[in-house]
Amino acid sequence: MLVGLGVGLISSLAVFLVTEKLDLPAEALKWISLPYGLGAIIGGIATFALATKITPRRLLQTGLLVNGMGIILAGLSTKLWITMTAQFIIALLQPAIFVGNNALVMQHTDQNFIGRVMGIRTPLMTGAMLLMMSAAGVLKNTLSLILVYLLAGLCFFAGLLITVPKGSR
């Protein structure tokens, strides 16, 4: 759900990164979308290749950490190349979040309940995303673009904290 909150906060604000932070025309949105798409493809392949070598918890934690940092970097950036790099890194590690999460559910859920757990997780994430997408514009105007990106990154960090075993906190 925290990932959904974070993604929802920023998913409709990318054009403002381009127009307000980078001071480019809205048509330049393609320049931050291109590395994101490339990162998603490479990240999917890399996650598939590494999934048997890295524990699901580590995949999930790495994905959450890197995505949180990448989102904050994108929100703070005033240079196109930094924003493009942040977008690439975010997309590169996004598959690790989903693969790690799914693997953990499979490992820690009784086989009879896997469908129910997966079935509730999707609406929680989607609902959280939609809720934050609805509020993103108001939050951007009330707070600031940078603060909304910071809040989104913090959602990922909060998700990371949940994955840390209780004895380690």
Protein backbone atom coordinates (compact mmCIF):
# COMPACT_ATOMS: atom_id res chain seq x y z
CA MET A 1 0.00 0.00 0.00
CA LEU A 2 2.88 2.38 0.77
CA VAL A 3 4.29 1.84 -2.72
CA GLY A 4 0.86 2.68 -4.13
CA LEU A 5 0.75 5.88 -2.07
CA GLY A 6 4.20 6.90 -3.29
CA VAL A 7 3.57 6.07 -6.93
CA GLY A 8 0.18 7.79 -6.85
CA LEU A 9 1.70 10.98 -5.50
CA ILE A 10 4.05 11.40 -8.45
CA SER A 11 2.53 9.51 -11.38
CA SER A 12 0.62 12.50 -12.70
CA LEU A 13 3.26 15.12 -11.85
CA ALA A 14 6.07 14.21 -14.26
CA VAL A 15 5.08 16.98 -16.64
CA PHE A 16 5.69 19.49 -13.83
CA LEU A 17 9.20 18.12 -13.36
CA VAL A 18 9.80 19.00 -16.98
CA THR A 19 8.07 22.38 -17.06
CA GLU A 20 8.76 23.74 -13.56
CA LYS A 21 11.98 22.08 -12.38
CA LEU A 22 13.78 21.69 -15.71
CA ASP A 23 12.20 24.76 -17.33
CA LEU A 24 11.55 22.86 -20.57
CA PRO A 25 8.40 22.68 -22.72
CA ALA A 26 5.92 19.90 -21.91
CA GLU A 27 6.96 18.14 -25.12
CA ALA A 28 10.29 17.36 -23.44
CA LEU A 29 8.48 14.85 -21.20
CA LYS A 30 9.60 12.18 -23.66
CA TRP A 31 13.20 12.72 -22.54
CA ILE A 32 12.45 11.54 -19.02
CA SER A 33 10.08 8.82 -20.23
CA LEU A 34 12.64 7.25 -22.55
CA PRO A 35 15.17 6.26 -19.84
CA TYR A 36 12.31 5.04 -17.66
CA GLY A 37 11.17 2.62 -20.37
CA LEU A 38 14.71 1.47 -21.03
CA GLY A 39 15.32 0.98 -17.30
CA ALA A 40 12.13 -1.06 -16.96
CA ILE A 41 13.18 -3.44 -19.75
CA ILE A 42 16.74 -3.87 -18.47
CA GLY A 43 15.53 -4.08 -14.86
CA GLY A 44 13.03 -6.80 -15.71
CA ILE A 45 15.68 -8.89 -17.44
CA ALA A 46 18.23 -8.30 -14.66
CA THR A 47 15.73 -9.12 -11.91
CA PHE A 48 14.76 -12.31 -13.70
CA ALA A 49 18.43 -13.28 -13.98
CA LEU A 50 19.27 -12.40 -10.36
CA ALA A 51 16.09 -13.63 -8.65
CA THR A 52 17.61 -17.01 -7.80
CA LYS A 53 20.82 -15.47 -6.45
CA ILE A 54 19.33 -12.75 -4.21
CA THR A 55 16.83 -13.36 -1.43
CA PRO A 56 13.33 -11.99 -2.03
CA ARG A 57 13.62 -9.75 1.05
CA ARG A 58 16.87 -8.26 -0.27
CA LEU A 59 15.31 -7.72 -3.72
CA LEU A 60 12.36 -5.94 -2.15
CA GLN A 61 14.50 -3.87 0.20
CA THR A 62 16.93 -2.84 -2.53
CA GLY A 63 14.09 -1.88 -4.84
CA LEU A 64 12.35 0.18 -2.16
CA LEU A 65 15.56 1.95 -1.12
CA VAL A 66 16.69 2.78 -4.65
CA ASN A 67 13.21 3.85 -5.75
CA GLY A 68 12.83 6.13 -2.73
CA MET A 69 16.20 7.74 -3.38
CA GLY A 70 15.53 8.00 -7.13
CA ILE A 71 12.16 9.67 -6.60
CA ILE A 72 13.66 12.22 -4.23
CA LEU A 73 16.54 12.85 -6.66
CA ALA A 74 14.09 13.36 -9.53
CA GLY A 75 12.11 15.84 -7.42
CA LEU A 76 15.21 17.82 -6.47
CA SER A 77 16.90 17.79 -9.88
CA THR A 78 17.14 20.88 -12.03
CA LYS A 79 19.23 19.21 -14.75
CA LEU A 80 17.74 17.05 -17.48
CA TRP A 81 20.54 14.46 -17.38
CA ILE A 82 20.12 13.99 -13.60
CA THR A 83 16.36 13.60 -13.95
CA MET A 84 16.87 11.11 -16.81
CA THR A 85 19.36 9.16 -14.69
CA ALA A 86 16.95 9.13 -11.73
CA GLN A 87 14.13 7.88 -13.97
CA PHE A 88 16.34 5.12 -15.35
CA ILE A 89 17.42 4.01 -11.86
CA ILE A 90 13.84 4.05 -10.55
CA ALA A 91 12.64 1.85 -13.41
CA LEU A 92 15.71 -0.39 -13.23
CA LEU A 93 14.89 -1.45 -9.66
CA GLN A 94 11.09 -1.41 -9.82
CA PRO A 95 10.84 -5.05 -10.92
CA ALA A 96 12.84 -6.02 -7.81
CA ILE A 97 10.02 -4.62 -5.65
CA PHE A 98 7.34 -6.68 -7.35
CA VAL A 99 9.37 -9.87 -7.71
CA GLY A 100 10.61 -9.66 -4.12
CA ASN A 101 7.13 -8.96 -2.79
CA ASN A 102 5.52 -11.79 -4.76
CA ALA A 103 8.22 -14.25 -3.71
CA LEU A 104 7.81 -13.30 -0.05
CA VAL A 105 4.07 -13.83 -0.27
CA MET A 106 4.65 -17.24 -1.83
CA GLN A 107 7.18 -18.19 0.87
CA HIS A 108 5.29 -16.95 3.91
CA THR A 109 1.66 -17.61 3.06
CA ASP A 110 -0.14 -20.91 3.42
CA GLN A 111 -0.83 -22.28 -0.04
CA ASN A 112 -4.59 -22.15 0.58
CA PHE A 113 -4.44 -18.39 1.16
CA ILE A 114 -2.04 -17.18 -1.56
CA GLY A 115 -4.87 -16.17 -3.87
CA ARG A 116 -6.59 -14.24 -1.11
CA VAL A 117 -3.41 -12.45 -0.08
CA MET A 118 -2.58 -11.54 -3.69
CA GLY A 119 -6.23 -10.61 -4.23
CA ILE A 120 -6.26 -8.09 -1.40
CA ARG A 121 -2.82 -6.68 -2.11
CA THR A 122 -3.67 -5.51 -5.63
CA PRO A 123 -6.76 -3.46 -4.64
CA LEU A 124 -4.84 -1.96 -1.70
CA MET A 125 -2.06 -0.76 -3.97
CA THR A 126 -4.42 0.38 -6.73
CA GLY A 127 -6.71 2.15 -4.28
CA ALA A 128 -3.79 3.90 -2.61
CA MET A 129 -2.48 4.96 -6.02
CA LEU A 130 -5.84 6.34 -7.13
CA LEU A 131 -6.33 8.16 -3.85
CA MET A 132 -2.96 9.88 -4.11
CA MET A 133 -3.36 10.60 -7.83
CA SER A 134 -6.57 12.44 -6.90
CA ALA A 135 -4.78 14.43 -4.21
CA ALA A 136 -1.46 15.00 -6.03
CA GLY A 137 -2.43 18.23 -7.77
CA VAL A 138 -3.86 19.76 -4.61
CA LEU A 139 -0.80 18.69 -2.61
CA LYS A 140 1.54 20.10 -5.26
CA ASN A 141 -0.25 23.45 -5.18
CA THR A 142 -0.52 23.49 -1.38
CA LEU A 143 2.96 22.24 -0.52
CA SER A 144 5.37 22.21 -3.47
CA LEU A 145 6.50 19.86 -6.19
CA ILE A 146 9.69 19.08 -4.29
CA LEU A 147 7.80 18.28 -1.10
CA VAL A 148 5.39 15.96 -2.91
CA TYR A 149 8.33 14.06 -4.41
CA LEU A 150 9.95 13.94 -0.97
CA LEU A 151 6.74 12.51 0.52
CA ALA A 152 6.59 9.91 -2.25
CA GLY A 153 10.18 8.88 -1.57
CA LEU A 154 9.39 8.67 2.15
CA CYS A 155 6.52 6.29 1.37
CA PHE A 156 9.08 3.93 -0.18
CA PHE A 157 11.39 4.33 2.83
CA ALA A 158 8.47 3.54 5.17
CA GLY A 159 7.83 0.40 3.12
CA LEU A 160 11.49 -0.47 3.51
CA LEU A 161 11.28 -0.11 7.29
CA ILE A 162 8.38 -2.57 7.38
CA THR A 163 10.57 -5.19 5.70
CA VAL A 164 13.32 -4.96 8.33
CA PRO A 165 13.01 -7.85 10.82
CA LYS A 166 11.85 -6.71 14.27
CA GLY A 167 15.09 -7.68 16.02
CA SER A 168 17.12 -5.49 13.63
CA ARG A 169 15.23 -2.23 14.16
